[in-house]
Amino acid sequence: MAKVTKISNRGHLKNLVKKGLIEAKCDFHLTDDYAFDSAYNFGKDENWLPVEHVEDLRDGKNGFISLSDWDFGTKSGGLYRNGGESSCYTFYIHSNLSYTLRIKEVA
């Protein structure tokens, strides 16, 4: 398999997720309950987790970040390469949910 060095768009990202080549950490996940969000640090996670593609978000597994087809196609979302020489990307699902992504190192 050729080494993937960049993600060109959300469709490409979806294919990489299906192949198990993406890991992510949550930047923020906001609900309508500020006290809950504050207690859980607004969903922010410092740990890199593998990303999985699921048909239904209820099918997600613990220890993974689960993304569905809707997450890749929402009109309010976007995929942006972080500045400089960074190999990380910001993936906005919508205004209340964002991840930092990176491509896994392939041996």
N, C-alpha and C. Protein backbone atom coordinates (compact mmCIF):
# COMPACT_ATOMS: atom_id res chain seq x y z
N MET A 1 0.85 -1.18 0.00
CA MET A 1 0.00 0.00 0.00
C MET A 1 0.90 1.24 0.00
N ALA A 2 0.57 2.19 -0.86
CA ALA A 2 1.32 3.44 -0.92
C ALA A 2 1.02 4.27 0.32
N LYS A 3 2.02 4.99 0.79
CA LYS A 3 1.85 5.84 1.97
C LYS A 3 1.00 7.05 1.61
N VAL A 4 -0.02 7.31 2.40
CA VAL A 4 -0.88 8.47 2.21
C VAL A 4 -0.29 9.62 3.00
N THR A 5 -0.08 10.75 2.35
CA THR A 5 0.55 11.89 3.02
C THR A 5 -0.39 13.07 3.20
N LYS A 6 -1.52 13.07 2.50
CA LYS A 6 -2.47 14.17 2.69
C LYS A 6 -3.88 13.69 2.38
N ILE A 7 -4.83 14.46 2.85
CA ILE A 7 -6.25 14.17 2.62
C ILE A 7 -6.77 15.26 1.70
N SER A 8 -7.34 14.88 0.57
CA SER A 8 -7.73 15.89 -0.42
C SER A 8 -9.13 16.46 -0.22
N ASN A 9 -10.07 15.66 0.30
CA ASN A 9 -11.43 16.16 0.52
C ASN A 9 -12.17 15.19 1.45
N ARG A 10 -13.42 15.49 1.76
CA ARG A 10 -14.17 14.66 2.71
C ARG A 10 -14.46 13.27 2.16
N GLY A 11 -14.62 13.14 0.84
CA GLY A 11 -14.82 11.82 0.24
C GLY A 11 -13.57 10.96 0.40
N HIS A 12 -12.41 11.57 0.17
CA HIS A 12 -11.13 10.87 0.36
C HIS A 12 -10.97 10.50 1.83
N LEU A 13 -11.32 11.40 2.73
CA LEU A 13 -11.26 11.13 4.16
C LEU A 13 -12.13 9.92 4.51
N LYS A 14 -13.33 9.86 3.98
CA LYS A 14 -14.23 8.73 4.26
C LYS A 14 -13.58 7.41 3.84
N ASN A 15 -12.96 7.38 2.67
CA ASN A 15 -12.29 6.16 2.21
C ASN A 15 -11.13 5.78 3.14
N LEU A 16 -10.37 6.77 3.59
CA LEU A 16 -9.27 6.49 4.51
C LEU A 16 -9.78 5.96 5.85
N VAL A 17 -10.90 6.50 6.32
CA VAL A 17 -11.51 6.01 7.57
C VAL A 17 -11.93 4.56 7.40
N LYS A 18 -12.56 4.23 6.28
CA LYS A 18 -13.00 2.86 6.04
C LYS A 18 -11.83 1.89 6.00
N LYS A 19 -10.65 2.37 5.59
CA LYS A 19 -9.45 1.53 5.55
C LYS A 19 -8.72 1.49 6.89
N GLY A 20 -9.20 2.26 7.86
CA GLY A 20 -8.58 2.27 9.18
C GLY A 20 -7.30 3.07 9.27
N LEU A 21 -7.14 4.09 8.41
CA LEU A 21 -5.90 4.85 8.34
C LEU A 21 -5.94 6.20 9.07
N ILE A 22 -7.04 6.50 9.75
CA ILE A 22 -7.19 7.82 10.39
C ILE A 22 -7.35 7.65 11.89
N GLU A 23 -6.72 8.55 12.63
CA GLU A 23 -6.96 8.65 14.06
C GLU A 23 -7.29 10.11 14.37
N ALA A 24 -7.97 10.31 15.49
CA ALA A 24 -8.48 11.66 15.79
C ALA A 24 -8.55 11.89 17.28
N LYS A 25 -8.66 13.17 17.62
CA LYS A 25 -9.00 13.56 18.98
C LYS A 25 -10.03 14.68 18.88
N CYS A 26 -10.94 14.70 19.84
CA CYS A 26 -12.03 15.67 19.81
C CYS A 26 -11.53 17.03 20.26
N ASP A 27 -11.82 18.07 19.47
CA ASP A 27 -11.50 19.45 19.85
C ASP A 27 -12.59 20.03 20.74
N PHE A 28 -13.84 19.81 20.36
CA PHE A 28 -14.97 20.21 21.19
C PHE A 28 -16.23 19.51 20.71
N HIS A 29 -17.10 19.25 21.67
CA HIS A 29 -18.41 18.68 21.40
C HIS A 29 -19.37 19.35 22.37
N LEU A 30 -20.20 20.21 21.84
CA LEU A 30 -21.09 21.01 22.68
C LEU A 30 -22.52 20.49 22.60
N THR A 31 -23.19 20.50 23.74
CA THR A 31 -24.61 20.17 23.79
C THR A 31 -25.36 21.44 24.17
N ASP A 32 -26.63 21.31 24.52
CA ASP A 32 -27.39 22.48 24.96
C ASP A 32 -27.35 22.62 26.48
N ASP A 33 -26.48 21.86 27.15
CA ASP A 33 -26.37 21.88 28.60
C ASP A 33 -24.98 22.36 28.99
N TYR A 34 -24.85 23.66 29.29
CA TYR A 34 -23.54 24.22 29.57
C TYR A 34 -22.88 23.57 30.79
N ALA A 35 -23.63 23.28 31.82
CA ALA A 35 -23.05 22.69 33.03
C ALA A 35 -22.46 21.31 32.71
N PHE A 36 -23.17 20.51 31.93
CA PHE A 36 -22.66 19.21 31.51
C PHE A 36 -21.39 19.37 30.67
N ASP A 37 -21.46 20.26 29.69
CA ASP A 37 -20.30 20.48 28.82
C ASP A 37 -19.08 20.92 29.62
N SER A 38 -19.29 21.84 30.55
CA SER A 38 -18.20 22.33 31.36
C SER A 38 -17.61 21.22 32.23
N ALA A 39 -18.46 20.39 32.80
CA ALA A 39 -18.00 19.29 33.65
C ALA A 39 -17.16 18.29 32.87
N TYR A 40 -17.44 18.14 31.58
CA TYR A 40 -16.71 17.19 30.73
C TYR A 40 -15.74 17.89 29.78
N ASN A 41 -15.28 19.08 30.16
CA ASN A 41 -14.26 19.84 29.41
C ASN A 41 -14.67 20.04 27.95
N PHE A 42 -15.95 20.23 27.72
CA PHE A 42 -16.49 20.52 26.38
C PHE A 42 -16.11 19.45 25.37
N GLY A 43 -15.97 18.21 25.83
CA GLY A 43 -15.68 17.08 24.95
C GLY A 43 -14.23 16.97 24.52
N LYS A 44 -13.39 17.92 24.91
CA LYS A 44 -11.99 17.92 24.48
C LYS A 44 -11.27 16.68 24.98
N ASP A 45 -10.52 16.06 24.07
CA ASP A 45 -9.77 14.86 24.41
C ASP A 45 -8.34 15.00 23.91
N GLU A 46 -7.38 14.69 24.74
CA GLU A 46 -5.97 14.77 24.37
C GLU A 46 -5.46 13.47 23.77
N ASN A 47 -6.23 12.40 23.86
CA ASN A 47 -5.79 11.09 23.38
C ASN A 47 -6.20 10.86 21.92
N TRP A 48 -5.26 10.36 21.13
CA TRP A 48 -5.56 9.99 19.76
C TRP A 48 -6.28 8.64 19.77
N LEU A 49 -7.42 8.57 19.09
CA LEU A 49 -8.22 7.35 19.01
C LEU A 49 -8.39 6.95 17.55
N PRO A 50 -8.51 5.65 17.28
CA PRO A 50 -8.81 5.24 15.91
C PRO A 50 -10.21 5.70 15.53
N VAL A 51 -10.40 5.95 14.25
CA VAL A 51 -11.71 6.40 13.74
C VAL A 51 -12.33 5.25 12.96
N GLU A 52 -13.61 5.00 13.20
CA GLU A 52 -14.33 3.94 12.50
C GLU A 52 -15.51 4.53 11.74
N HIS A 53 -15.88 3.89 10.64
CA HIS A 53 -17.07 4.25 9.87
C HIS A 53 -18.20 3.34 10.31
N VAL A 54 -19.33 3.91 10.67
CA VAL A 54 -20.49 3.12 11.09
C VAL A 54 -21.71 3.57 10.29
N GLU A 55 -22.65 2.66 10.11
CA GLU A 55 -23.90 3.00 9.44
C GLU A 55 -24.78 3.84 10.36
N ASP A 56 -24.76 3.51 11.63
CA ASP A 56 -25.58 4.18 12.63
C ASP A 56 -24.69 4.49 13.82
N LEU A 57 -24.69 5.72 14.30
CA LEU A 57 -23.82 6.11 15.40
C LEU A 57 -24.06 5.28 16.66
N ARG A 58 -25.23 4.69 16.80
CA ARG A 58 -25.51 3.84 17.95
C ARG A 58 -24.69 2.55 17.90
N ASP A 59 -24.11 2.24 16.72
CA ASP A 59 -23.31 1.02 16.57
C ASP A 59 -21.85 1.23 16.92
N GLY A 60 -21.47 2.44 17.32
CA GLY A 60 -20.07 2.75 17.62
C GLY A 60 -19.54 1.95 18.79
N LYS A 61 -18.23 1.73 18.80
CA LYS A 61 -17.57 0.95 19.85
C LYS A 61 -16.81 1.89 20.78
N ASN A 62 -16.66 1.50 22.02
CA ASN A 62 -15.84 2.24 22.97
C ASN A 62 -14.39 2.22 22.50
N GLY A 63 -13.69 3.33 22.72
CA GLY A 63 -12.29 3.41 22.32
C GLY A 63 -12.10 3.83 20.88
N PHE A 64 -13.18 4.17 20.19
CA PHE A 64 -13.13 4.64 18.81
C PHE A 64 -13.91 5.94 18.69
N ILE A 65 -13.57 6.73 17.71
CA ILE A 65 -14.41 7.84 17.29
C ILE A 65 -15.20 7.33 16.10
N SER A 66 -16.51 7.36 16.21
CA SER A 66 -17.38 6.81 15.18
C SER A 66 -17.93 7.92 14.29
N LEU A 67 -17.83 7.74 12.99
CA LEU A 67 -18.37 8.68 12.02
C LEU A 67 -19.28 7.95 11.06
N SER A 68 -20.39 8.58 10.70
CA SER A 68 -21.34 7.99 9.76
C SER A 68 -21.29 8.74 8.43
N ASP A 69 -22.02 8.25 7.45
CA ASP A 69 -22.08 8.93 6.15
C ASP A 69 -22.53 10.38 6.30
N TRP A 70 -23.47 10.62 7.21
CA TRP A 70 -23.97 11.99 7.42
C TRP A 70 -22.83 12.92 7.81
N ASP A 71 -21.91 12.45 8.65
CA ASP A 71 -20.81 13.29 9.11
C ASP A 71 -19.91 13.76 7.97
N PHE A 72 -19.78 12.95 6.94
CA PHE A 72 -18.93 13.31 5.80
C PHE A 72 -19.63 14.21 4.80
N GLY A 73 -20.95 14.26 4.84
CA GLY A 73 -21.67 14.99 3.82
C GLY A 73 -22.45 16.21 4.27
N THR A 74 -22.42 16.51 5.56
CA THR A 74 -23.19 17.65 6.04
C THR A 74 -22.71 18.95 5.41
N LYS A 75 -23.64 19.78 5.00
CA LYS A 75 -23.29 21.03 4.31
C LYS A 75 -22.60 22.03 5.23
N SER A 76 -22.87 21.94 6.53
CA SER A 76 -22.26 22.91 7.44
C SER A 76 -20.84 22.51 7.85
N GLY A 77 -20.41 21.31 7.52
CA GLY A 77 -19.10 20.83 7.92
C GLY A 77 -18.00 21.21 6.95
N GLY A 78 -16.79 20.78 7.27
CA GLY A 78 -15.66 21.05 6.40
C GLY A 78 -14.41 20.35 6.89
N LEU A 79 -13.44 20.23 5.99
CA LEU A 79 -12.16 19.62 6.29
C LEU A 79 -11.08 20.62 5.91
N TYR A 80 -10.23 20.97 6.87
CA TYR A 80 -9.21 21.99 6.64
C TYR A 80 -7.86 21.49 7.12
N ARG A 81 -6.85 21.69 6.32
CA ARG A 81 -5.50 21.33 6.74
C ARG A 81 -5.00 22.40 7.71
N ASN A 82 -4.43 21.96 8.82
CA ASN A 82 -3.88 22.90 9.78
C ASN A 82 -2.66 23.58 9.18
N GLY A 83 -2.38 24.79 9.60
CA GLY A 83 -1.34 25.61 9.00
C GLY A 83 0.07 25.06 9.15
N GLY A 84 0.98 25.63 8.38
CA GLY A 84 2.39 25.28 8.45
C GLY A 84 2.67 23.89 7.90
N GLU A 85 3.66 23.25 8.50
CA GLU A 85 4.07 21.92 8.07
C GLU A 85 3.29 20.81 8.76
N SER A 86 2.24 21.16 9.46
CA SER A 86 1.47 20.19 10.22
C SER A 86 0.84 19.15 9.31
N SER A 87 0.84 17.91 9.77
CA SER A 87 0.18 16.84 9.02
C SER A 87 -1.21 16.59 9.59
N CYS A 88 -1.71 17.52 10.39
CA CYS A 88 -3.02 17.39 11.01
C CYS A 88 -4.06 18.20 10.25
N TYR A 89 -5.31 17.79 10.41
CA TYR A 89 -6.45 18.43 9.77
C TYR A 89 -7.50 18.72 10.82
N THR A 90 -8.31 19.73 10.57
CA THR A 90 -9.47 20.00 11.41
C THR A 90 -10.69 19.56 10.61
N PHE A 91 -11.53 18.73 11.23
CA PHE A 91 -12.74 18.21 10.59
C PHE A 91 -13.93 18.69 11.40
N TYR A 92 -14.63 19.71 10.85
CA TYR A 92 -15.84 20.23 11.48
C TYR A 92 -17.02 19.43 10.98
N ILE A 93 -17.70 18.76 11.89
CA ILE A 93 -18.93 18.05 11.52
C ILE A 93 -20.05 19.08 11.40
N HIS A 94 -20.17 19.92 12.41
CA HIS A 94 -21.09 21.06 12.42
C HIS A 94 -20.56 22.03 13.47
N SER A 95 -21.26 23.09 13.72
CA SER A 95 -20.73 24.15 14.58
C SER A 95 -20.48 23.70 16.03
N ASN A 96 -21.03 22.57 16.43
CA ASN A 96 -20.88 22.11 17.80
C ASN A 96 -20.00 20.87 17.95
N LEU A 97 -19.32 20.45 16.88
CA LEU A 97 -18.51 19.24 16.95
C LEU A 97 -17.33 19.35 15.99
N SER A 98 -16.12 19.20 16.52
CA SER A 98 -14.92 19.32 15.72
C SER A 98 -13.85 18.34 16.20
N TYR A 99 -13.09 17.79 15.24
CA TYR A 99 -12.01 16.86 15.55
C TYR A 99 -10.71 17.34 14.90
N THR A 100 -9.59 16.98 15.50
CA THR A 100 -8.30 17.08 14.84
C THR A 100 -7.96 15.67 14.36
N LEU A 101 -7.60 15.57 13.09
CA LEU A 101 -7.31 14.27 12.47
C LEU A 101 -5.86 14.19 12.05
N ARG A 102 -5.37 12.97 11.98
CA ARG A 102 -4.06 12.73 11.38
C ARG A 102 -4.09 11.34 10.74
N ILE A 103 -3.21 11.17 9.79
CA ILE A 103 -3.09 9.89 9.09
C ILE A 103 -2.16 9.01 9.92
N LYS A 104 -2.58 7.78 10.13
CA LYS A 104 -1.76 6.84 10.92
C LYS A 104 -0.48 6.53 10.16
N GLU A 105 0.57 6.30 10.91
CA GLU A 105 1.83 5.85 10.33
C GLU A 105 1.66 4.40 9.89
N VAL A 106 1.97 4.11 8.65
CA VAL A 106 1.83 2.75 8.12
C VAL A 106 3.23 2.14 8.05
N ALA A 107 3.36 0.96 8.65
CA ALA A 107 4.68 0.28 8.68
C ALA A 107 5.03 -0.29 7.32
